[in-house]
C-alpha atoms as a PDB file:
ATOM      1  CA  MET A   1     -65.797 -15.744 -60.417  1.00  0.00           C
ATOM      2  CA  PRO A   2     -64.356 -14.492 -56.962  1.00  0.00           C
ATOM      3  CA  LEU A   3     -66.295 -11.396 -55.844  1.00  0.00           C
ATOM      4  CA  ASP A   4     -62.908  -9.126 -56.420  1.00  0.00           C
ATOM      5  CA  ALA A   5     -62.748 -11.174 -59.890  1.00  0.00           C
ATOM      6  CA  PHE A   6     -66.177 -10.306 -60.926  1.00  0.00           C
ATOM      7  CA  LEU A   7     -65.618  -6.054 -59.794  1.00  0.00           C
ATOM      8  CA  ARG A   8     -62.467  -5.630 -61.821  1.00  0.00           C
ATOM      9  CA  LYS A   9     -64.568  -7.102 -65.238  1.00  0.00           C
ATOM     10  CA  ALA A  10     -67.554  -4.901 -63.878  1.00  0.00           C
ATOM     11  CA  ASN A  11     -65.860  -1.806 -63.238  1.00  0.00           C
ATOM     12  CA  LYS A  12     -63.965  -2.427 -66.678  1.00  0.00           C
ATOM     13  CA  SER A  13     -66.739  -2.730 -68.894  1.00  0.00           C
ATOM     14  CA  ALA A  14     -68.765   0.514 -66.881  1.00  0.00           C
ATOM     15  CA  ARG A  15     -65.591   2.333 -68.418  1.00  0.00           C
ATOM     16  CA  SER A  16     -66.062   1.268 -71.991  1.00  0.00           C
ATOM     17  CA  SER A  17     -69.871   2.551 -72.520  1.00  0.00           C
ATOM     18  CA  THR A  18     -70.549   6.514 -72.075  1.00  0.00           C
ATOM     19  CA  VAL A  19     -74.046   7.717 -71.875  1.00  0.00           C
ATOM     20  CA  HIS A  20     -73.622   8.700 -75.747  1.00  0.00           C
ATOM     21  CA  ASP A  21     -72.870   5.203 -76.008  1.00  0.00           C
ATOM     22  CA  VAL A  22     -75.930   3.797 -74.634  1.00  0.00           C
ATOM     23  CA  PHE A  23     -78.395   6.252 -75.769  1.00  0.00           C
ATOM     24  CA  GLY A  24     -76.663   5.261 -79.560  1.00  0.00           C
ATOM     25  CA  ARG A  25     -77.675   1.996 -79.293  1.00  0.00           C
ATOM     26  CA  MET A  26     -80.983   3.050 -78.160  1.00  0.00           C
ATOM     27  CA  LEU A  27     -82.054   4.940 -80.957  1.00  0.00           C
ATOM     28  CA  ARG A  28     -80.666   1.343 -83.120  1.00  0.00           C
ATOM     29  CA  GLN A  29     -83.166  -0.385 -81.052  1.00  0.00           C
ATOM     30  CA  LEU A  30     -85.827   2.098 -83.354  1.00  0.00           C
ATOM     31  CA  PRO A  31     -87.469   0.940 -86.230  1.00  0.00           C
ATOM     32  CA  ARG A  32     -86.064   2.440 -89.385  1.00  0.00           C
ATOM     33  CA  CYS A  33     -83.422   4.414 -87.095  1.00  0.00           C
ATOM     34  CA  SER A  34     -80.026   3.613 -89.132  1.00  0.00           C
ATOM     35  CA  GLY A  35     -76.546   4.295 -88.290  1.00  0.00           C
ATOM     36  CA  ALA A  36     -76.466   6.831 -90.723  1.00  0.00           C
ATOM     37  CA  GLN A  37     -79.518   8.923 -88.833  1.00  0.00           C
ATOM     38  CA  THR A  38     -78.825   7.352 -85.759  1.00  0.00           C
ATOM     39  CA  GLY A  39     -75.006   9.258 -86.095  1.00  0.00           C
ATOM     40  CA  ALA A  40     -76.944  12.846 -87.163  1.00  0.00           C
ATOM     41  CA  ILE A  41     -79.399  12.496 -83.926  1.00  0.00           C
ATOM     42  CA  LEU A  42     -76.223  11.795 -82.036  1.00  0.00           C
ATOM     43  CA  GLN A  43     -74.730  15.087 -83.538  1.00  0.00           C
ATOM     44  CA  ARG A  44     -77.819  17.266 -82.587  1.00  0.00           C
ATOM     45  CA  TYR A  45     -78.890  15.953 -79.390  1.00  0.00           C
ATOM     46  CA  PRO A  46     -75.882  13.941 -78.140  1.00  0.00           C
ATOM     47  CA  THR A  47     -77.818  12.152 -75.114  1.00  0.00           C
ATOM     48  CA  LEU A  48     -80.781  11.533 -74.227  1.00  0.00           C
ATOM     49  CA  VAL A  49     -80.942  14.454 -71.986  1.00  0.00           C
ATOM     50  CA  HIS A  50     -79.953  16.466 -74.552  1.00  0.00           C
ATOM     51  CA  LEU A  51     -83.243  15.406 -76.206  1.00  0.00           C
ATOM     52  CA  VAL A  52     -85.679  15.777 -73.729  1.00  0.00           C
ATOM     53  CA  ARG A  53     -84.351  19.251 -73.297  1.00  0.00           C
ATOM     54  CA  ALA A  54     -85.698  19.919 -76.128  1.00  0.00           C
ATOM     55  CA  TYR A  55     -88.799  18.641 -76.909  1.00  0.00           C
ATOM     56  CA  ASP A  56     -89.545  20.420 -73.406  1.00  0.00           C
ATOM     57  CA  ALA A  57     -88.332  23.704 -74.509  1.00  0.00           C
ATOM     58  CA  VAL A  58     -90.942  23.930 -78.116  1.00  0.00           C
ATOM     59  CA  SER A  59     -94.328  22.485 -78.110  1.00  0.00           C
ATOM     60  CA  GLU A  60     -96.402  19.560 -78.338  1.00  0.00           C
ATOM     61  CA  ALA A  61     -96.994  20.035 -82.234  1.00  0.00           C
ATOM     62  CA  GLN A  62     -93.029  21.136 -82.885  1.00  0.00           C
ATOM     63  CA  GLY A  63     -91.847  17.808 -80.612  1.00  0.00           C
ATOM     64  CA  ILE A  64     -94.060  15.530 -83.520  1.00  0.00           C
ATOM     65  CA  VAL A  65     -91.471  16.907 -86.224  1.00  0.00           C
ATOM     66  CA  LEU A  66     -88.469  17.879 -84.391  1.00  0.00           C
ATOM     67  CA  LEU A  67     -86.374  14.881 -85.343  1.00  0.00           C
ATOM     68  CA  GLN A  68     -87.983  14.131 -88.506  1.00  0.00           C
ATOM     69  CA  ASN A  69     -85.919  16.903 -90.493  1.00  0.00           C
ATOM     70  CA  ILE A  70     -82.488  15.297 -89.342  1.00  0.00           C
ATOM     71  CA  THR A  71     -81.069  14.277 -92.248  1.00  0.00           C
ATOM     72  CA  PRO A  72     -77.499  11.914 -92.866  1.00  0.00           C
ATOM     73  CA  LYS A  73     -74.513  13.787 -94.185  1.00  0.00           C
END
């Protein structure tokens, strides 16, 4: 594949995935994290940075249960 064709294809695929989309795919890889559960988490924490900031803002004990109370609607 010529370089210019590769760059066009790479540029197109980079625009089709947002940070939100990638984070959602990451969550789906976790055991027992269904599509509905992933959606509920993404509503509260749209990106990994949002989730990390939430963990940083609470104590370790609170962090352990941070995601436990998120339920799909």
